[in-house]
PDB file of N, CA and C in Angstrom:
ATOM      1  N   MET A   1      65.716  57.173 108.067  1.00  0.00           N
ATOM      2  CA  MET A   1      65.805  57.353 107.138  1.00  0.00           C
ATOM      3  C   MET A   1      64.665  56.979 106.042  1.00  0.00           C
ATOM      4  N   ASN A   2      64.050  57.520 105.754  1.00  0.00           N
ATOM      5  CA  ASN A   2      62.966  57.431 104.659  1.00  0.00           C
ATOM      6  C   ASN A   2      63.515  56.421 103.635  1.00  0.00           C
ATOM      7  N   LEU A   3      62.570  55.412 103.355  1.00  0.00           N
ATOM      8  CA  LEU A   3      62.597  54.558 102.404  1.00  0.00           C
ATOM      9  C   LEU A   3      62.781  55.019 100.935  1.00  0.00           C
ATOM     10  N   MET A   4      61.812  55.917 100.686  1.00  0.00           N
ATOM     11  CA  MET A   4      61.514  56.550  99.316  1.00  0.00           C
ATOM     12  C   MET A   4      62.694  57.563  98.898  1.00  0.00           C
ATOM     13  N   SER A   5      63.653  57.967 100.069  1.00  0.00           N
ATOM     14  CA  SER A   5      64.798  58.693  99.806  1.00  0.00           C
ATOM     15  C   SER A   5      65.929  58.054  99.150  1.00  0.00           C
ATOM     16  N   LEU A   6      65.898  56.783  99.230  1.00  0.00           N
ATOM     17  CA  LEU A   6      66.962  55.908  98.522  1.00  0.00           C
ATOM     18  C   LEU A   6      66.217  55.898  96.612  1.00  0.00           C
ATOM     19  N   PHE A   7      65.292  56.177  96.278  1.00  0.00           N
ATOM     20  CA  PHE A   7      64.849  55.825  95.000  1.00  0.00           C
ATOM     21  C   PHE A   7      64.698  57.221  94.084  1.00  0.00           C
ATOM     22  N   ASN A   8      65.445  58.367  94.617  1.00  0.00           N
ATOM     23  CA  ASN A   8      64.968  59.952  94.383  1.00  0.00           C
ATOM     24  C   ASN A   8      66.107  59.808  93.237  1.00  0.00           C
ATOM     25  N   GLU A   9      66.673  59.245  92.890  1.00  0.00           N
ATOM     26  CA  GLU A   9      67.518  59.519  91.730  1.00  0.00           C
ATOM     27  C   GLU A   9      68.189  57.902  91.170  1.00  0.00           C
ATOM     28  N   PRO A  10      68.498  57.952  90.132  1.00  0.00           N
ATOM     29  CA  PRO A  10      69.304  56.593  89.529  1.00  0.00           C
ATOM     30  C   PRO A  10      70.178  56.303  90.438  1.00  0.00           C
ATOM     31  N   LYS A  11      70.347  55.094  90.594  1.00  0.00           N
ATOM     32  CA  LYS A  11      71.330  54.278  91.467  1.00  0.00           C
ATOM     33  C   LYS A  11      71.382  52.975  91.294  1.00  0.00           C
ATOM     34  N   ILE A  12      72.054  52.323  91.796  1.00  0.00           N
ATOM     35  CA  ILE A  12      72.506  50.696  92.056  1.00  0.00           C
ATOM     36  C   ILE A  12      72.208  50.666  93.403  1.00  0.00           C
ATOM     37  N   ILE A  13      71.543  49.502  93.822  1.00  0.00           N
ATOM     38  CA  ILE A  13      71.522  49.077  95.469  1.00  0.00           C
ATOM     39  C   ILE A  13      71.487  47.567  95.412  1.00  0.00           C
ATOM     40  N   ALA A  14      72.228  46.922  95.958  1.00  0.00           N
ATOM     41  CA  ALA A  14      72.642  45.685  96.351  1.00  0.00           C
ATOM     42  C   ALA A  14      72.331  45.065  97.406  1.00  0.00           C
ATOM     43  N   VAL A  15      71.712  43.994  97.838  1.00  0.00           N
ATOM     44  CA  VAL A  15      71.842  43.451  98.772  1.00  0.00           C
ATOM     45  C   VAL A  15      72.631  42.003  98.766  1.00  0.00           C
ATOM     46  N   ILE A  16      73.296  41.933  99.673  1.00  0.00           N
ATOM     47  CA  ILE A  16      74.650  40.630  99.604  1.00  0.00           C
ATOM     48  C   ILE A  16      74.540  40.326 101.144  1.00  0.00           C
ATOM     49  N   SER A  17      74.351  38.699 100.938  1.00  0.00           N
ATOM     50  CA  SER A  17      74.625  38.241 102.140  1.00  0.00           C
ATOM     51  C   SER A  17      74.596  36.489 101.612  1.00  0.00           C
ATOM     52  N   ASP A  18      74.647  35.950 102.694  1.00  0.00           N
ATOM     53  CA  ASP A  18      74.758  34.187 102.479  1.00  0.00           C
ATOM     54  C   ASP A  18      73.514  33.679 102.215  1.00  0.00           C
ATOM     55  N   ILE A  19      73.352  32.524 101.613  1.00  0.00           N
ATOM     56  CA  ILE A  19      72.460  31.769 101.687  1.00  0.00           C
ATOM     57  C   ILE A  19      71.208  31.564 102.544  1.00  0.00           C
ATOM     58  N   ASN A  20      69.935  31.815 101.958  1.00  0.00           N
ATOM     59  CA  ASN A  20      69.071  31.514 103.007  1.00  0.00           C
ATOM     60  C   ASN A  20      68.877  32.763 104.312  1.00  0.00           C
ATOM     61  N   GLN A  21      69.555  34.263 103.607  1.00  0.00           N
ATOM     62  CA  GLN A  21      69.461  35.093 104.704  1.00  0.00           C
ATOM     63  C   GLN A  21      68.474  35.954 104.776  1.00  0.00           C
ATOM     64  N   GLY A  22      67.656  35.891 103.441  1.00  0.00           N
ATOM     65  CA  GLY A  22      66.543  36.888 103.256  1.00  0.00           C
ATOM     66  C   GLY A  22      66.652  37.807 102.272  1.00  0.00           C
ATOM     67  N   LYS A  23      67.425  37.589 101.352  1.00  0.00           N
ATOM     68  CA  LYS A  23      67.837  38.790 100.263  1.00  0.00           C
ATOM     69  C   LYS A  23      66.647  38.893  99.723  1.00  0.00           C
ATOM     70  N   SER A  24      65.835  37.775  98.876  1.00  0.00           N
ATOM     71  CA  SER A  24      64.477  37.715  98.008  1.00  0.00           C
ATOM     72  C   SER A  24      63.583  38.112  99.093  1.00  0.00           C
ATOM     73  N   MET A  25      63.474  38.088 100.032  1.00  0.00           N
ATOM     74  CA  MET A  25      62.382  39.057 101.073  1.00  0.00           C
ATOM     75  C   MET A  25      62.433  40.482 100.739  1.00  0.00           C
ATOM     76  N   VAL A  26      63.716  40.829 100.878  1.00  0.00           N
ATOM     77  CA  VAL A  26      64.055  42.444 100.959  1.00  0.00           C
ATOM     78  C   VAL A  26      63.357  43.030  99.802  1.00  0.00           C
ATOM     79  N   GLY A  27      63.881  42.062  98.769  1.00  0.00           N
ATOM     80  CA  GLY A  27      63.363  42.602  97.348  1.00  0.00           C
ATOM     81  C   GLY A  27      62.113  42.760  97.334  1.00  0.00           C
ATOM     82  N   TYR A  28      61.126  41.917  97.997  1.00  0.00           N
ATOM     83  CA  TYR A  28      59.708  41.954  97.855  1.00  0.00           C
ATOM     84  C   TYR A  28      59.081  43.104  98.686  1.00  0.00           C
ATOM     85  N   TYR A  29      59.693  42.849  99.959  1.00  0.00           N
ATOM     86  CA  TYR A  29      59.426  43.965 100.926  1.00  0.00           C
ATOM     87  C   TYR A  29      59.533  45.611  99.905  1.00  0.00           C
ATOM     88  N   LEU A  30      61.040  45.790  99.322  1.00  0.00           N
ATOM     89  CA  LEU A  30      61.122  47.118  98.561  1.00  0.00           C
ATOM     90  C   LEU A  30      59.658  47.223  97.683  1.00  0.00           C
ATOM     91  N   ILE A  31      59.579  46.245  96.923  1.00  0.00           N
ATOM     92  CA  ILE A  31      58.496  46.371  95.836  1.00  0.00           C
ATOM     93  C   ILE A  31      57.342  46.841  96.601  1.00  0.00           C
ATOM     94  N   LYS A  32      57.006  46.095  97.581  1.00  0.00           N
ATOM     95  CA  LYS A  32      55.531  46.190  98.048  1.00  0.00           C
ATOM     96  C   LYS A  32      55.357  47.645  98.504  1.00  0.00           C
ATOM     97  N   GLU A  33      56.487  48.247  99.459  1.00  0.00           N
ATOM     98  CA  GLU A  33      56.457  49.434  99.620  1.00  0.00           C
ATOM     99  C   GLU A  33      56.490  50.849  98.833  1.00  0.00           C
ATOM    100  N   LEU A  34      57.464  50.357  97.619  1.00  0.00           N
ATOM    101  CA  LEU A  34      57.649  51.419  96.617  1.00  0.00           C
ATOM    102  C   LEU A  34      56.159  51.529  95.859  1.00  0.00           C
ATOM    103  N   SER A  35      55.746  50.151  95.627  1.00  0.00           N
ATOM    104  CA  SER A  35      54.280  50.407  95.108  1.00  0.00           C
ATOM    105  C   SER A  35      53.333  51.252  95.790  1.00  0.00           C
ATOM    106  N   SER A  36      53.166  51.123  96.890  1.00  0.00           N
ATOM    107  CA  SER A  36      52.391  51.771  97.649  1.00  0.00           C
ATOM    108  C   SER A  36      52.660  53.164  98.217  1.00  0.00           C
ATOM    109  N   ASN A  37      53.836  53.863  97.460  1.00  0.00           N
ATOM    110  CA  ASN A  37      54.077  55.116  97.672  1.00  0.00           C
ATOM    111  C   ASN A  37      54.423  56.245  96.481  1.00  0.00           C
ATOM    112  N   ALA A  38      54.453  55.066  95.160  1.00  0.00           N
ATOM    113  CA  ALA A  38      55.140  55.544  93.795  1.00  0.00           C
ATOM    114  C   ALA A  38      54.533  54.738  92.592  1.00  0.00           C
ATOM    115  N   LYS A  39      54.198  55.385  91.694  1.00  0.00           N
ATOM    116  CA  LYS A  39      54.162  54.841  90.376  1.00  0.00           C
ATOM    117  C   LYS A  39      55.286  54.615  89.523  1.00  0.00           C
ATOM    118  N   PHE A  40      55.691  53.517  89.123  1.00  0.00           N
ATOM    119  CA  PHE A  40      56.805  53.090  88.274  1.00  0.00           C
ATOM    120  C   PHE A  40      56.842  51.965  87.427  1.00  0.00           C
ATOM    121  N   SER A  41      57.481  51.860  86.730  1.00  0.00           N
ATOM    122  CA  SER A  41      57.629  50.652  85.717  1.00  0.00           C
ATOM    123  C   SER A  41      58.463  49.669  86.596  1.00  0.00           C
ATOM    124  N   LEU A  42      58.192  48.695  86.882  1.00  0.00           N
ATOM    125  CA  LEU A  42      59.014  47.157  87.496  1.00  0.00           C
ATOM    126  C   LEU A  42      59.119  46.262  86.471  1.00  0.00           C
ATOM    127  N   PHE A  43      60.789  46.158  86.639  1.00  0.00           N
ATOM    128  CA  PHE A  43      61.203  44.447  85.820  1.00  0.00           C
ATOM    129  C   PHE A  43      61.886  43.660  86.773  1.00  0.00           C
ATOM    130  N   THR A  44      61.482  42.123  86.595  1.00  0.00           N
ATOM    131  CA  THR A  44      61.947  41.539  87.662  1.00  0.00           C
ATOM    132  C   THR A  44      62.850  40.280  87.011  1.00  0.00           C
ATOM    133  N   TYR A  45      63.811  39.611  87.761  1.00  0.00           N
ATOM    134  CA  TYR A  45      64.209  38.576  87.369  1.00  0.00           C
ATOM    135  C   TYR A  45      64.638  37.599  88.397  1.00  0.00           C
ATOM    136  N   GLY A  46      64.182  36.413  88.215  1.00  0.00           N
ATOM    137  CA  GLY A  46      64.612  35.496  89.444  1.00  0.00           C
ATOM    138  C   GLY A  46      63.424  35.370  90.795  1.00  0.00           C
ATOM    139  N   LEU A  47      62.767  36.214  90.755  1.00  0.00           N
ATOM    140  CA  LEU A  47      61.697  36.180  91.796  1.00  0.00           C
ATOM    141  C   LEU A  47      60.963  35.005  91.926  1.00  0.00           C
ATOM    142  N   ARG A  48      60.581  34.119  92.689  1.00  0.00           N
ATOM    143  CA  ARG A  48      59.689  32.952  92.392  1.00  0.00           C
ATOM    144  C   ARG A  48      58.251  33.354  92.381  1.00  0.00           C
ATOM    145  N   VAL A  49      57.951  34.434  93.106  1.00  0.00           N
ATOM    146  CA  VAL A  49      56.376  34.873  93.170  1.00  0.00           C
ATOM    147  C   VAL A  49      56.373  36.215  92.161  1.00  0.00           C
ATOM    148  N   LYS A  50      55.351  36.198  91.420  1.00  0.00           N
ATOM    149  CA  LYS A  50      55.234  37.575  90.634  1.00  0.00           C
ATOM    150  C   LYS A  50      54.357  38.492  91.423  1.00  0.00           C
ATOM    151  N   ILE A  51      54.683  39.929  91.662  1.00  0.00           N
ATOM    152  CA  ILE A  51      54.186  40.544  92.699  1.00  0.00           C
ATOM    153  C   ILE A  51      53.647  41.824  91.995  1.00  0.00           C
ATOM    154  N   GLY A  52      52.702  42.118  92.066  1.00  0.00           N
ATOM    155  CA  GLY A  52      52.091  43.665  91.501  1.00  0.00           C
ATOM    156  C   GLY A  52      52.198  43.584  89.752  1.00  0.00           C
ATOM    157  N   GLU A  53      52.030  44.703  89.145  1.00  0.00           N
ATOM    158  CA  GLU A  53      52.561  45.125  87.855  1.00  0.00           C
ATOM    159  C   GLU A  53      53.742  44.816  87.684  1.00  0.00           C
ATOM    160  N   THR A  54      54.144  43.690  87.713  1.00  0.00           N
ATOM    161  CA  THR A  54      55.589  43.480  87.174  1.00  0.00           C
ATOM    162  C   THR A  54      55.799  42.707  85.906  1.00  0.00           C
ATOM    163  N   THR A  55      57.156  42.971  85.287  1.00  0.00           N
ATOM    164  CA  THR A  55      57.475  42.609  84.048  1.00  0.00           C
ATOM    165  C   THR A  55      58.473  41.672  84.068  1.00  0.00           C
ATOM    166  N   GLN A  56      58.563  40.207  83.741  1.00  0.00           N
ATOM    167  CA  GLN A  56      59.853  39.515  83.835  1.00  0.00           C
ATOM    168  C   GLN A  56      60.296  39.304  82.647  1.00  0.00           C
ATOM    169  N   ILE A  57      61.970  39.471  82.737  1.00  0.00           N
ATOM    170  CA  ILE A  57      62.755  39.245  81.985  1.00  0.00           C
ATOM    171  C   ILE A  57      63.555  37.857  82.177  1.00  0.00           C
ATOM    172  N   ASN A  58      63.953  37.721  80.839  1.00  0.00           N
ATOM    173  CA  ASN A  58      64.857  36.303  81.002  1.00  0.00           C
ATOM    174  C   ASN A  58      65.939  36.238  80.449  1.00  0.00           C
ATOM    175  N   SER A  59      66.681  37.544  80.016  1.00  0.00           N
ATOM    176  CA  SER A  59      68.323  37.611  79.157  1.00  0.00           C
ATOM    177  C   SER A  59      68.588  38.813  79.899  1.00  0.00           C
ATOM    178  N   LEU A  60      69.650  38.814  79.520  1.00  0.00           N
ATOM    179  CA  LEU A  60      71.447  39.997  79.569  1.00  0.00           C
ATOM    180  C   LEU A  60      70.496  41.050  78.299  1.00  0.00           C
ATOM    181  N   ASN A  61      70.215  40.415  77.251  1.00  0.00           N
ATOM    182  CA  ASN A  61      69.891  41.424  76.289  1.00  0.00           C
ATOM    183  C   ASN A  61      68.597  42.195  76.752  1.00  0.00           C
ATOM    184  N   GLU A  62      67.468  41.405  77.747  1.00  0.00           N
ATOM    185  CA  GLU A  62      66.412  42.502  77.537  1.00  0.00           C
ATOM    186  C   GLU A  62      66.863  43.196  78.797  1.00  0.00           C
ATOM    187  N   LEU A  63      67.758  42.631  79.968  1.00  0.00           N
ATOM    188  CA  LEU A  63      68.113  43.699  80.945  1.00  0.00           C
ATOM    189  C   LEU A  63      68.558  44.929  80.280  1.00  0.00           C
ATOM    190  N   GLU A  64      69.382  44.598  79.046  1.00  0.00           N
ATOM    191  CA  GLU A  64      70.127  46.119  78.947  1.00  0.00           C
ATOM    192  C   GLU A  64      69.103  47.133  78.204  1.00  0.00           C
ATOM    193  N   GLN A  65      68.315  46.637  77.633  1.00  0.00           N
ATOM    194  CA  GLN A  65      67.519  47.726  76.981  1.00  0.00           C
ATOM    195  C   GLN A  65      66.620  48.568  77.866  1.00  0.00           C
ATOM    196  N   ILE A  66      66.230  47.974  79.298  1.00  0.00           N
ATOM    197  CA  ILE A  66      65.360  48.803  80.215  1.00  0.00           C
ATOM    198  C   ILE A  66      65.788  50.167  80.671  1.00  0.00           C
ATOM    199  N   ARG A  67      65.103  51.101  80.611  1.00  0.00           N
ATOM    200  CA  ARG A  67      65.422  52.362  80.791  1.00  0.00           C
ATOM    201  C   ARG A  67      64.245  53.073  82.123  1.00  0.00           C
ATOM    202  N   ASN A  68      64.625  53.936  83.005  1.00  0.00           N
ATOM    203  CA  ASN A  68      63.789  54.448  83.640  1.00  0.00           C
ATOM    204  C   ASN A  68      63.068  53.931  84.619  1.00  0.00           C
ATOM    205  N   SER A  69      63.360  52.745  85.064  1.00  0.00           N
ATOM    206  CA  SER A  69      62.493  51.524  85.442  1.00  0.00           C
ATOM    207  C   SER A  69      63.034  51.511  87.270  1.00  0.00           C
ATOM    208  N   VAL A  70      62.524  50.822  87.861  1.00  0.00           N
ATOM    209  CA  VAL A  70      62.900  49.573  88.805  1.00  0.00           C
ATOM    210  C   VAL A  70      63.202  48.386  88.596  1.00  0.00           C
ATOM    211  N   ILE A  71      64.394  47.968  88.875  1.00  0.00           N
ATOM    212  CA  ILE A  71      64.953  46.516  88.311  1.00  0.00           C
ATOM    213  C   ILE A  71      65.229  45.827  89.626  1.00  0.00           C
ATOM    214  N   VAL A  72      64.426  44.926  89.730  1.00  0.00           N
ATOM    215  CA  VAL A  72      64.856  43.651  90.671  1.00  0.00           C
ATOM    216  C   VAL A  72      65.314  42.316  90.211  1.00  0.00           C
ATOM    217  N   LEU A  73      66.785  41.903  90.361  1.00  0.00           N
ATOM    218  CA  LEU A  73      67.318  41.175  90.109  1.00  0.00           C
ATOM    219  C   LEU A  73      67.717  39.861  91.187  1.00  0.00           C
ATOM    220  N   ASP A  74      67.097  38.645  91.146  1.00  0.00           N
ATOM    221  CA  ASP A  74      67.267  37.784  92.410  1.00  0.00           C
ATOM    222  C   ASP A  74      67.713  36.685  91.584  1.00  0.00           C
ATOM    223  N   GLU A  75      68.774  35.729  92.187  1.00  0.00           N
ATOM    224  CA  GLU A  75      69.791  35.124  91.562  1.00  0.00           C
ATOM    225  C   GLU A  75      70.697  35.435  90.467  1.00  0.00           C
ATOM    226  N   PHE A  76      70.943  36.552  90.388  1.00  0.00           N
ATOM    227  CA  PHE A  76      71.603  37.496  89.067  1.00  0.00           C
ATOM    228  C   PHE A  76      73.188  36.890  88.876  1.00  0.00           C
ATOM    229  N   THR A  77      73.963  35.931  89.471  1.00  0.00           N
ATOM    230  CA  THR A  77      74.592  34.755  88.949  1.00  0.00           C
ATOM    231  C   THR A  77      73.906  34.068  87.312  1.00  0.00           C
ATOM    232  N   THR A  78      72.691  33.256  87.712  1.00  0.00           N
ATOM    233  CA  THR A  78      72.355  32.816  86.964  1.00  0.00           C
ATOM    234  C   THR A  78      71.779  33.408  85.603  1.00  0.00           C
ATOM    235  N   LEU A  79      71.660  34.618  85.723  1.00  0.00           N
ATOM    236  CA  LEU A  79      71.137  35.460  84.415  1.00  0.00           C
ATOM    237  C   LEU A  79      72.175  35.682  83.377  1.00  0.00           C
ATOM    238  N   LEU A  80      73.464  35.642  84.227  1.00  0.00           N
ATOM    239  CA  LEU A  80      75.026  36.291  83.690  1.00  0.00           C
ATOM    240  C   LEU A  80      75.122  34.764  83.032  1.00  0.00           C
ATOM    241  N   ASN A  81      75.187  33.481  83.543  1.00  0.00           N
ATOM    242  CA  ASN A  81      75.225  32.220  83.055  1.00  0.00           C
ATOM    243  C   ASN A  81      76.985  32.094  82.775  1.00  0.00           C
ATOM    244  N   VAL A  82      77.540  32.494  83.780  1.00  0.00           N
ATOM    245  CA  VAL A  82      79.067  32.483  83.728  1.00  0.00           C
ATOM    246  C   VAL A  82      79.985  31.379  83.438  1.00  0.00           C
ATOM    247  N   GLU A  83      79.265  30.118  83.600  1.00  0.00           N
ATOM    248  CA  GLU A  83      80.007  28.983  83.212  1.00  0.00           C
ATOM    249  C   GLU A  83      79.938  28.989  81.803  1.00  0.00           C
ATOM    250  N   GLU A  84      78.657  29.518  80.852  1.00  0.00           N
ATOM    251  CA  GLU A  84      79.253  29.118  79.381  1.00  0.00           C
ATOM    252  C   GLU A  84      79.950  30.303  78.850  1.00  0.00           C
ATOM    253  N   ARG A  85      81.099  29.962  78.193  1.00  0.00           N
ATOM    254  CA  ARG A  85      82.067  31.068  77.619  1.00  0.00           C
ATOM    255  C   ARG A  85      81.510  31.818  76.709  1.00  0.00           C
ATOM    256  N   VAL A  86      80.538  31.475  76.114  1.00  0.00           N
ATOM    257  CA  VAL A  86      79.783  32.484  74.495  1.00  0.00           C
ATOM    258  C   VAL A  86      79.384  33.620  75.608  1.00  0.00           C
ATOM    259  N   TYR A  87      78.631  33.507  76.908  1.00  0.00           N
ATOM    260  CA  TYR A  87      78.338  34.317  77.547  1.00  0.00           C
ATOM    261  C   TYR A  87      79.173  35.426  78.502  1.00  0.00           C
ATOM    262  N   LYS A  88      80.158  34.678  78.965  1.00  0.00           N
ATOM    263  CA  LYS A  88      81.222  35.146  78.921  1.00  0.00           C
ATOM    264  C   LYS A  88      81.762  36.248  78.447  1.00  0.00           C
ATOM    265  N   ASN A  89      81.982  35.889  77.204  1.00  0.00           N
ATOM    266  CA  ASN A  89      82.424  37.141  76.687  1.00  0.00           C
ATOM    267  C   ASN A  89      81.586  38.221  76.351  1.00  0.00           C
ATOM    268  N   GLN A  90      80.111  37.908  76.270  1.00  0.00           N
ATOM    269  CA  GLN A  90      79.279  39.076  75.926  1.00  0.00           C
ATOM    270  C   GLN A  90      79.704  39.864  77.750  1.00  0.00           C
ATOM    271  N   VAL A  91      79.388  39.240  78.427  1.00  0.00           N
ATOM    272  CA  VAL A  91      79.475  40.247  79.772  1.00  0.00           C
ATOM    273  C   VAL A  91      80.705  41.025  79.735  1.00  0.00           C
TER     274      VAL A  91
END
């Protein structure tokens, strides 16, 4: 399967596994491969190292405004802040 064929239409792709199993590295790999094959707007949350031409987001409100872009979310649960009741109601 060609990696680029995964990105031929809008969709949600999730990488789920236990702690320290390489999920972040998969994100970095996808960014690197996509960047070498296509031009696109990239938004990230939670990645420790900025890679390429990325725009880092810091809130759920920012995420909701993004359109026609690739979005890589690492440590997604911290973005949702599910421990705070105010944020729980927004989600």
